[in-house]
Amino acid sequence: SVYLCKAHSSLCCKLTDWGYMSKAIGFIHRAVARGLVGSPLLSAIRLIHVASSERLNVEAMAMVGDVNGSNGLVDGFVKAINGDPLHKDTGFMIEALENVFKEALAGIDDNSRMPINTNVINGSGITESTNNEHVQQKDKLQEEQQEQYQVPGPDPLP
């Protein structure tokens, strides 16, 4: 399935619909619990690595586990990496997690954060001055559109 996702990106979008994200994360937990830390574990991690390129899959991964994060994606990766000694494919696991987080946080940057301002209308992040500017721009645009689409009427009789 990893090869198919790489070759046909449209199939990668269907992994969530088919339930593969929750199954792959569950399989990571079961493989670690049974000591199957070779090919069985890596096959699930490869699937997550490839699937992390699609936002829908990442959202499905975030829904797996409980509120405290137990039995979820990060918890499974932490258990798989172990730490004493580190799993030999730790680098690949961390790269897969990095891909998941990059896709989950795509579009968020420091410039998009709301500036701290005590003069905020209804908690929406729009200040009074910003709101007034938007209203003025909207009014000006409407006036321009009305002028552009005015149909000349008949000439009044002398």
N, C-alpha and C. Protein backbone atom coordinates (compact mmCIF):
# COMPACT_ATOMS: atom_id res chain seq x y z
N SER A 1 0.82 -1.20 0.00
CA SER A 1 0.00 0.00 0.00
C SER A 1 0.86 1.26 0.00
N VAL A 2 2.06 1.19 0.56
CA VAL A 2 2.95 2.35 0.56
C VAL A 2 3.34 2.70 -0.86
N TYR A 3 3.67 1.71 -1.66
CA TYR A 3 4.05 1.96 -3.05
C TYR A 3 2.88 2.56 -3.83
N LEU A 4 1.69 2.04 -3.62
CA LEU A 4 0.52 2.56 -4.32
C LEU A 4 0.25 4.02 -3.96
N CYS A 5 0.47 4.37 -2.69
CA CYS A 5 0.26 5.76 -2.28
C CYS A 5 1.28 6.69 -2.92
N LYS A 6 2.51 6.20 -3.06
CA LYS A 6 3.53 7.03 -3.71
C LYS A 6 3.26 7.17 -5.20
N ALA A 7 2.80 6.10 -5.81
CA ALA A 7 2.57 6.11 -7.25
C ALA A 7 1.26 6.83 -7.62
N HIS A 8 0.24 6.69 -6.80
CA HIS A 8 -1.07 7.27 -7.09
C HIS A 8 -1.52 8.08 -5.87
N SER A 9 -1.27 9.38 -5.90
CA SER A 9 -1.58 10.21 -4.74
C SER A 9 -3.08 10.24 -4.42
N SER A 10 -3.91 9.99 -5.41
CA SER A 10 -5.36 9.99 -5.15
C SER A 10 -5.74 8.85 -4.20
N LEU A 11 -4.98 7.76 -4.23
CA LEU A 11 -5.25 6.66 -3.30
C LEU A 11 -4.86 7.02 -1.88
N CYS A 12 -3.86 7.87 -1.74
CA CYS A 12 -3.41 8.27 -0.41
C CYS A 12 -4.52 9.00 0.34
N CYS A 13 -5.33 9.73 -0.39
CA CYS A 13 -6.46 10.45 0.23
C CYS A 13 -7.51 9.49 0.77
N LYS A 14 -7.58 8.31 0.23
CA LYS A 14 -8.61 7.33 0.61
C LYS A 14 -8.24 6.52 1.85
N LEU A 15 -7.00 6.60 2.30
CA LEU A 15 -6.56 5.78 3.44
C LEU A 15 -7.42 6.04 4.68
N THR A 16 -7.76 7.29 4.91
CA THR A 16 -8.59 7.62 6.07
C THR A 16 -9.99 7.03 5.90
N ASP A 17 -10.55 7.16 4.71
CA ASP A 17 -11.88 6.61 4.46
C ASP A 17 -11.92 5.11 4.69
N TRP A 18 -10.83 4.45 4.37
CA TRP A 18 -10.76 3.00 4.53
C TRP A 18 -10.36 2.57 5.94
N GLY A 19 -10.06 3.52 6.81
CA GLY A 19 -9.74 3.21 8.21
C GLY A 19 -8.30 2.83 8.47
N TYR A 20 -7.42 3.09 7.53
CA TYR A 20 -6.03 2.66 7.69
C TYR A 20 -5.25 3.44 8.74
N MET A 21 -5.59 4.70 9.00
CA MET A 21 -4.81 5.49 9.95
C MET A 21 -4.95 4.93 11.36
N SER A 22 -6.16 4.69 11.80
CA SER A 22 -6.35 4.15 13.14
C SER A 22 -5.80 2.72 13.23
N LYS A 23 -5.94 1.95 12.15
CA LYS A 23 -5.40 0.59 12.15
C LYS A 23 -3.87 0.59 12.23
N ALA A 24 -3.24 1.51 11.49
CA ALA A 24 -1.78 1.58 11.50
C ALA A 24 -1.25 1.98 12.87
N ILE A 25 -1.90 2.94 13.50
CA ILE A 25 -1.46 3.36 14.84
C ILE A 25 -1.71 2.25 15.85
N GLY A 26 -2.84 1.60 15.77
CA GLY A 26 -3.12 0.46 16.64
C GLY A 26 -2.11 -0.66 16.43
N PHE A 27 -1.72 -0.86 15.17
CA PHE A 27 -0.74 -1.91 14.87
C PHE A 27 0.62 -1.57 15.47
N ILE A 28 0.98 -0.30 15.48
CA ILE A 28 2.26 0.09 16.11
C ILE A 28 2.24 -0.30 17.59
N HIS A 29 1.15 0.01 18.28
CA HIS A 29 1.04 -0.33 19.70
C HIS A 29 1.09 -1.84 19.92
N ARG A 30 0.38 -2.60 19.09
CA ARG A 30 0.39 -4.07 19.25
C ARG A 30 1.75 -4.66 18.91
N ALA A 31 2.41 -4.14 17.89
CA ALA A 31 3.72 -4.66 17.50
C ALA A 31 4.74 -4.43 18.61
N VAL A 32 4.72 -3.26 19.21
CA VAL A 32 5.66 -2.97 20.30
C VAL A 32 5.35 -3.85 21.51
N ALA A 33 4.07 -4.02 21.84
CA ALA A 33 3.68 -4.84 22.99
C ALA A 33 4.11 -6.29 22.82
N ARG A 34 4.12 -6.77 21.57
CA ARG A 34 4.50 -8.17 21.30
C ARG A 34 5.98 -8.31 20.97
N GLY A 35 6.71 -7.21 20.93
CA GLY A 35 8.14 -7.27 20.64
C GLY A 35 8.45 -7.43 19.16
N LEU A 36 7.50 -7.14 18.30
CA LEU A 36 7.70 -7.25 16.86
C LEU A 36 8.20 -5.91 16.32
N VAL A 37 9.44 -5.56 16.65
CA VAL A 37 9.96 -4.24 16.34
C VAL A 37 10.77 -4.21 15.05
N GLY A 38 10.65 -5.22 14.23
CA GLY A 38 11.33 -5.24 12.94
C GLY A 38 10.39 -4.83 11.82
N SER A 39 10.24 -5.70 10.85
CA SER A 39 9.41 -5.41 9.68
C SER A 39 7.95 -5.12 10.00
N PRO A 40 7.32 -5.83 10.93
CA PRO A 40 5.91 -5.51 11.22
C PRO A 40 5.73 -4.06 11.70
N LEU A 41 6.58 -3.61 12.59
CA LEU A 41 6.50 -2.24 13.09
C LEU A 41 6.79 -1.24 11.99
N LEU A 42 7.83 -1.49 11.23
CA LEU A 42 8.23 -0.53 10.19
C LEU A 42 7.23 -0.44 9.05
N SER A 43 6.48 -1.50 8.79
CA SER A 43 5.48 -1.42 7.73
C SER A 43 4.39 -0.41 8.11
N ALA A 44 3.99 -0.40 9.37
CA ALA A 44 2.99 0.57 9.82
C ALA A 44 3.56 1.99 9.82
N ILE A 45 4.82 2.13 10.20
CA ILE A 45 5.45 3.45 10.22
C ILE A 45 5.65 3.96 8.80
N ARG A 46 5.98 3.09 7.86
CA ARG A 46 6.10 3.51 6.45
C ARG A 46 4.76 4.04 5.94
N LEU A 47 3.69 3.36 6.29
CA LEU A 47 2.37 3.80 5.87
C LEU A 47 2.05 5.19 6.44
N ILE A 48 2.36 5.40 7.70
CA ILE A 48 2.12 6.71 8.32
C ILE A 48 3.01 7.77 7.67
N HIS A 49 4.24 7.41 7.37
CA HIS A 49 5.18 8.34 6.73
C HIS A 49 4.63 8.82 5.39
N VAL A 50 4.12 7.92 4.59
CA VAL A 50 3.57 8.28 3.28
C VAL A 50 2.25 9.02 3.43
N ALA A 51 1.40 8.55 4.33
CA ALA A 51 0.08 9.14 4.50
C ALA A 51 0.14 10.55 5.09
N SER A 52 1.24 10.89 5.72
CA SER A 52 1.34 12.20 6.37
C SER A 52 1.41 13.36 5.38
N SER A 53 1.45 13.05 4.10
CA SER A 53 1.48 14.12 3.09
C SER A 53 0.08 14.68 2.82
N GLU A 54 -0.94 14.06 3.36
CA GLU A 54 -2.32 14.50 3.15
C GLU A 54 -2.94 14.99 4.46
N ARG A 55 -3.52 16.16 4.44
CA ARG A 55 -4.12 16.78 5.63
C ARG A 55 -5.21 15.89 6.24
N LEU A 56 -6.04 15.28 5.41
CA LEU A 56 -7.12 14.44 5.91
C LEU A 56 -6.58 13.27 6.73
N ASN A 57 -5.50 12.68 6.27
CA ASN A 57 -4.88 11.57 7.00
C ASN A 57 -4.31 12.04 8.33
N VAL A 58 -3.68 13.21 8.33
CA VAL A 58 -3.10 13.74 9.57
C VAL A 58 -4.20 14.04 10.58
N GLU A 59 -5.31 14.57 10.11
CA GLU A 59 -6.44 14.83 11.01
C GLU A 59 -6.97 13.52 11.60
N ALA A 60 -7.01 12.48 10.79
CA ALA A 60 -7.47 11.18 11.29
C ALA A 60 -6.49 10.62 12.32
N MET A 61 -5.19 10.84 12.10
CA MET A 61 -4.18 10.38 13.06
C MET A 61 -4.36 11.10 14.40
N ALA A 62 -4.71 12.36 14.35
CA ALA A 62 -4.88 13.15 15.57
C ALA A 62 -6.07 12.66 16.40
N MET A 63 -7.01 12.02 15.76
CA MET A 63 -8.21 11.57 16.46
C MET A 63 -8.03 10.23 17.16
N VAL A 64 -6.93 9.55 16.89
CA VAL A 64 -6.69 8.24 17.49
C VAL A 64 -6.15 8.43 18.90
N GLY A 65 -6.61 7.61 19.82
CA GLY A 65 -6.14 7.68 21.20
C GLY A 65 -7.16 8.37 22.08
N ASP A 66 -6.78 8.53 23.35
CA ASP A 66 -7.70 9.20 24.27
C ASP A 66 -7.31 10.66 24.46
N VAL A 67 -8.02 11.32 25.33
CA VAL A 67 -7.83 12.76 25.55
C VAL A 67 -6.42 13.06 26.06
N ASN A 68 -5.87 12.18 26.82
CA ASN A 68 -4.53 12.40 27.40
C ASN A 68 -3.41 12.03 26.45
N GLY A 69 -3.72 11.54 25.27
CA GLY A 69 -2.70 11.17 24.30
C GLY A 69 -2.27 9.72 24.38
N SER A 70 -2.82 8.98 25.32
CA SER A 70 -2.47 7.56 25.42
C SER A 70 -3.03 6.80 24.23
N ASN A 71 -2.27 5.84 23.76
CA ASN A 71 -2.64 4.99 22.63
C ASN A 71 -2.79 5.76 21.33
N GLY A 72 -2.21 6.94 21.27
CA GLY A 72 -2.24 7.75 20.06
C GLY A 72 -0.96 7.60 19.26
N LEU A 73 -0.80 8.44 18.27
CA LEU A 73 0.34 8.38 17.38
C LEU A 73 1.66 8.64 18.10
N VAL A 74 1.74 9.75 18.80
CA VAL A 74 3.00 10.11 19.47
C VAL A 74 3.35 9.08 20.53
N ASP A 75 2.38 8.64 21.29
CA ASP A 75 2.60 7.63 22.32
C ASP A 75 3.14 6.34 21.70
N GLY A 76 2.58 5.94 20.58
CA GLY A 76 3.06 4.74 19.89
C GLY A 76 4.49 4.89 19.39
N PHE A 77 4.82 6.05 18.85
CA PHE A 77 6.18 6.29 18.36
C PHE A 77 7.18 6.32 19.52
N VAL A 78 6.79 6.92 20.63
CA VAL A 78 7.68 6.97 21.80
C VAL A 78 7.96 5.56 22.30
N LYS A 79 6.94 4.74 22.36
CA LYS A 79 7.13 3.35 22.79
C LYS A 79 7.98 2.57 21.79
N ALA A 80 7.80 2.85 20.49
CA ALA A 80 8.56 2.14 19.46
C ALA A 80 10.04 2.53 19.48
N ILE A 81 10.31 3.80 19.72
CA ILE A 81 11.70 4.27 19.76
C ILE A 81 12.42 3.67 20.96
N ASN A 82 11.72 3.48 22.04
CA ASN A 82 12.18 2.84 23.26
C ASN A 82 13.18 3.72 23.99
N GLY A 83 14.42 3.67 23.68
CA GLY A 83 15.39 4.53 24.34
C GLY A 83 16.50 3.78 25.03
N ASP A 84 16.35 2.50 25.28
CA ASP A 84 17.43 1.78 25.95
C ASP A 84 17.61 0.40 25.36
N PRO A 85 18.30 0.21 24.33
CA PRO A 85 18.89 1.20 23.42
C PRO A 85 17.84 1.72 22.44
N LEU A 86 18.21 2.76 21.72
CA LEU A 86 17.30 3.31 20.71
C LEU A 86 17.05 2.29 19.61
N HIS A 87 15.86 2.31 19.06
CA HIS A 87 15.54 1.45 17.93
C HIS A 87 16.45 1.84 16.77
N LYS A 88 16.86 0.88 15.97
CA LYS A 88 17.81 1.18 14.88
C LYS A 88 17.20 2.08 13.80
N ASP A 89 15.88 2.16 13.72
CA ASP A 89 15.22 3.03 12.74
C ASP A 89 14.58 4.26 13.39
N THR A 90 15.17 4.72 14.48
CA THR A 90 14.65 5.88 15.18
C THR A 90 14.61 7.11 14.28
N GLY A 91 15.63 7.30 13.47
CA GLY A 91 15.68 8.45 12.56
C GLY A 91 14.49 8.48 11.62
N PHE A 92 14.14 7.32 11.09
CA PHE A 92 13.00 7.23 10.18
C PHE A 92 11.70 7.53 10.93
N MET A 93 11.59 7.04 12.15
CA MET A 93 10.39 7.29 12.95
C MET A 93 10.24 8.78 13.25
N ILE A 94 11.33 9.43 13.59
CA ILE A 94 11.28 10.86 13.89
C ILE A 94 10.97 11.65 12.63
N GLU A 95 11.49 11.21 11.50
CA GLU A 95 11.17 11.88 10.23
C GLU A 95 9.67 11.76 9.92
N ALA A 96 9.10 10.60 10.19
CA ALA A 96 7.66 10.41 9.97
C ALA A 96 6.85 11.33 10.88
N LEU A 97 7.25 11.42 12.15
CA LEU A 97 6.58 12.33 13.07
C LEU A 97 6.72 13.78 12.63
N GLU A 98 7.90 14.14 12.15
CA GLU A 98 8.13 15.50 11.66
C GLU A 98 7.19 15.81 10.49
N ASN A 99 7.03 14.86 9.58
CA ASN A 99 6.12 15.06 8.45
C ASN A 99 4.68 15.27 8.93
N VAL A 100 4.28 14.50 9.91
CA VAL A 100 2.93 14.64 10.46
C VAL A 100 2.74 16.04 11.04
N PHE A 101 3.70 16.49 11.84
CA PHE A 101 3.57 17.79 12.47
C PHE A 101 3.67 18.93 11.46
N LYS A 102 4.51 18.79 10.45
CA LYS A 102 4.60 19.82 9.42
C LYS A 102 3.28 19.97 8.68
N GLU A 103 2.64 18.86 8.36
CA GLU A 103 1.36 18.92 7.66
C GLU A 103 0.26 19.45 8.59
N ALA A 104 0.32 19.05 9.85
CA ALA A 104 -0.70 19.52 10.81
C ALA A 104 -0.59 21.02 11.04
N LEU A 105 0.61 21.55 11.00
CA LEU A 105 0.82 22.97 11.29
C LEU A 105 1.00 23.81 10.04
N ALA A 106 0.75 23.22 8.88
CA ALA A 106 0.91 23.96 7.62
C ALA A 106 -0.02 25.16 7.60
N GLY A 107 0.50 26.29 7.17
CA GLY A 107 -0.31 27.49 7.08
C GLY A 107 -0.29 28.34 8.32
N ILE A 108 0.32 27.84 9.38
CA ILE A 108 0.41 28.63 10.61
C ILE A 108 1.80 29.24 10.65
N ASP A 109 1.85 30.56 10.77
CA ASP A 109 3.14 31.22 10.90
C ASP A 109 3.04 32.30 11.96
N ASP A 110 4.16 32.87 12.31
CA ASP A 110 4.18 33.89 13.37
C ASP A 110 3.42 35.14 12.98
N ASN A 111 3.32 35.46 11.71
CA ASN A 111 2.65 36.67 11.26
C ASN A 111 1.13 36.59 11.37
N SER A 112 0.60 35.37 11.46
CA SER A 112 -0.85 35.21 11.48
C SER A 112 -1.44 35.32 12.88
N ARG A 113 -0.60 35.47 13.87
CA ARG A 113 -1.11 35.57 15.23
C ARG A 113 -1.72 36.93 15.48
N MET A 114 -2.75 36.96 16.31
CA MET A 114 -3.44 38.20 16.60
C MET A 114 -2.56 39.09 17.47
N PRO A 115 -2.41 40.35 17.10
CA PRO A 115 -1.61 41.25 17.93
C PRO A 115 -2.33 41.50 19.25
N ILE A 116 -1.55 41.73 20.28
CA ILE A 116 -2.14 42.02 21.58
C ILE A 116 -2.67 43.44 21.53
N ASN A 117 -3.96 43.60 21.82
CA ASN A 117 -4.60 44.89 21.76
C ASN A 117 -5.77 44.88 22.73
N THR A 118 -5.88 45.92 23.52
CA THR A 118 -6.96 45.96 24.49
C THR A 118 -8.27 46.40 23.88
N ASN A 119 -8.26 46.90 22.66
CA ASN A 119 -9.44 47.43 22.01
C ASN A 119 -9.94 46.45 20.95
N VAL A 120 -10.47 45.32 21.38
CA VAL A 120 -10.90 44.27 20.47
C VAL A 120 -12.42 44.18 20.48
N ILE A 121 -13.01 44.06 19.30
CA ILE A 121 -14.46 43.95 19.18
C ILE A 121 -14.86 42.48 19.24
N ASN A 122 -15.67 42.11 20.22
CA ASN A 122 -16.25 40.77 20.34
C ASN A 122 -15.24 39.64 20.29
N GLY A 123 -14.00 39.85 20.69
CA GLY A 123 -13.00 38.79 20.70
C GLY A 123 -12.65 38.26 19.34
N SER A 124 -13.01 38.97 18.27
CA SER A 124 -12.76 38.46 16.92
C SER A 124 -11.37 38.79 16.43
N GLY A 125 -10.65 39.62 17.14
CA GLY A 125 -9.32 39.99 16.70
C GLY A 125 -9.32 41.19 15.78
N ILE A 126 -10.48 41.82 15.57
CA ILE A 126 -10.57 42.99 14.71
C ILE A 126 -10.71 44.21 15.61
N THR A 127 -9.76 45.12 15.52
CA THR A 127 -9.84 46.33 16.33
C THR A 127 -10.81 47.29 15.69
N GLU A 128 -11.21 48.32 16.45
CA GLU A 128 -12.16 49.30 15.92
C GLU A 128 -11.57 50.01 14.70
N SER A 129 -10.28 50.36 14.78
CA SER A 129 -9.68 51.08 13.65
C SER A 129 -9.60 50.18 12.42
N THR A 130 -9.24 48.92 12.62
CA THR A 130 -9.18 47.99 11.50
C THR A 130 -10.57 47.78 10.92
N ASN A 131 -11.57 47.66 11.79
CA ASN A 131 -12.94 47.47 11.33
C ASN A 131 -13.41 48.67 10.52
N ASN A 132 -13.11 49.88 11.00
CA ASN A 132 -13.50 51.10 10.27
C ASN A 132 -12.84 51.15 8.90
N GLU A 133 -11.58 50.76 8.82
CA GLU A 133 -10.88 50.75 7.54
C GLU A 133 -11.55 49.79 6.56
N HIS A 134 -11.94 48.62 7.06
CA HIS A 134 -12.60 47.63 6.20
C HIS A 134 -13.95 48.14 5.72
N VAL A 135 -14.69 48.81 6.60
CA VAL A 135 -16.00 49.35 6.22
C VAL A 135 -15.83 50.43 5.16
N GLN A 136 -14.83 51.30 5.35
CA GLN A 136 -14.58 52.36 4.37
C GLN A 136 -14.19 51.78 3.01
N GLN A 137 -13.32 50.76 3.02
CA GLN A 137 -12.90 50.12 1.77
C GLN A 137 -14.10 49.47 1.08
N LYS A 138 -14.96 48.84 1.84
CA LYS A 138 -16.14 48.19 1.28
C LYS A 138 -17.08 49.21 0.67
N ASP A 139 -17.32 50.32 1.38
CA ASP A 139 -18.18 51.38 0.86
C ASP A 139 -17.63 51.97 -0.44
N LYS A 140 -16.33 52.21 -0.47
CA LYS A 140 -15.69 52.77 -1.65
C LYS A 140 -15.82 51.83 -2.84
N LEU A 141 -15.62 50.54 -2.60
CA LEU A 141 -15.73 49.54 -3.65
C LEU A 141 -17.17 49.48 -4.19
N GLN A 142 -18.15 49.54 -3.30
CA GLN A 142 -19.55 49.52 -3.73
C GLN A 142 -19.88 50.74 -4.57
N GLU A 143 -19.37 51.91 -4.19
CA GLU A 143 -19.61 53.13 -4.97
C GLU A 143 -19.01 53.01 -6.36
N GLU A 144 -17.79 52.48 -6.44
CA GLU A 144 -17.12 52.30 -7.73
C GLU A 144 -17.91 51.34 -8.61
N GLN A 145 -18.43 50.28 -8.03
CA GLN A 145 -19.20 49.31 -8.81
C GLN A 145 -20.51 49.92 -9.30
N GLN A 146 -21.14 50.73 -8.47
CA GLN A 146 -22.39 51.36 -8.88
C GLN A 146 -22.15 52.33 -10.03
N GLU A 147 -21.05 53.10 -9.95
CA GLU A 147 -20.72 54.05 -11.02
C GLU A 147 -20.42 53.30 -12.32
N GLN A 148 -19.76 52.17 -12.19
CA GLN A 148 -19.37 51.40 -13.37
C GLN A 148 -20.57 50.81 -14.07
N TYR A 149 -21.59 50.43 -13.34
CA TYR A 149 -22.73 49.73 -13.93
C TYR A 149 -23.96 50.62 -14.09
N GLN A 150 -23.81 51.92 -13.96
CA GLN A 150 -24.97 52.80 -14.15
C GLN A 150 -25.34 52.87 -15.62
N VAL A 151 -26.61 52.71 -15.89
CA VAL A 151 -27.11 52.79 -17.26
C VAL A 151 -27.64 54.20 -17.46
N PRO A 152 -27.15 54.87 -18.49
CA PRO A 152 -27.64 56.24 -18.69
C PRO A 152 -29.13 56.21 -19.05
N GLY A 153 -29.87 57.11 -18.44
CA GLY A 153 -31.29 57.21 -18.68
C GLY A 153 -31.58 58.11 -19.89
N PRO A 154 -32.83 58.24 -20.26
CA PRO A 154 -33.17 59.11 -21.38
C PRO A 154 -32.90 60.57 -21.02
N ASP A 155 -32.57 61.35 -22.01
CA ASP A 155 -32.32 62.77 -21.78
C ASP A 155 -33.64 63.45 -21.41
N PRO A 156 -33.59 64.30 -20.41
CA PRO A 156 -34.84 65.00 -20.08
C PRO A 156 -35.24 65.96 -21.20
N LEU A 157 -36.50 66.12 -21.39
CA LEU A 157 -37.01 67.01 -22.45
C LEU A 157 -36.72 68.46 -22.10
N PRO A 158 -36.36 69.26 -23.11
CA PRO A 158 -36.07 70.67 -22.82
C PRO A 158 -37.29 71.48 -22.54
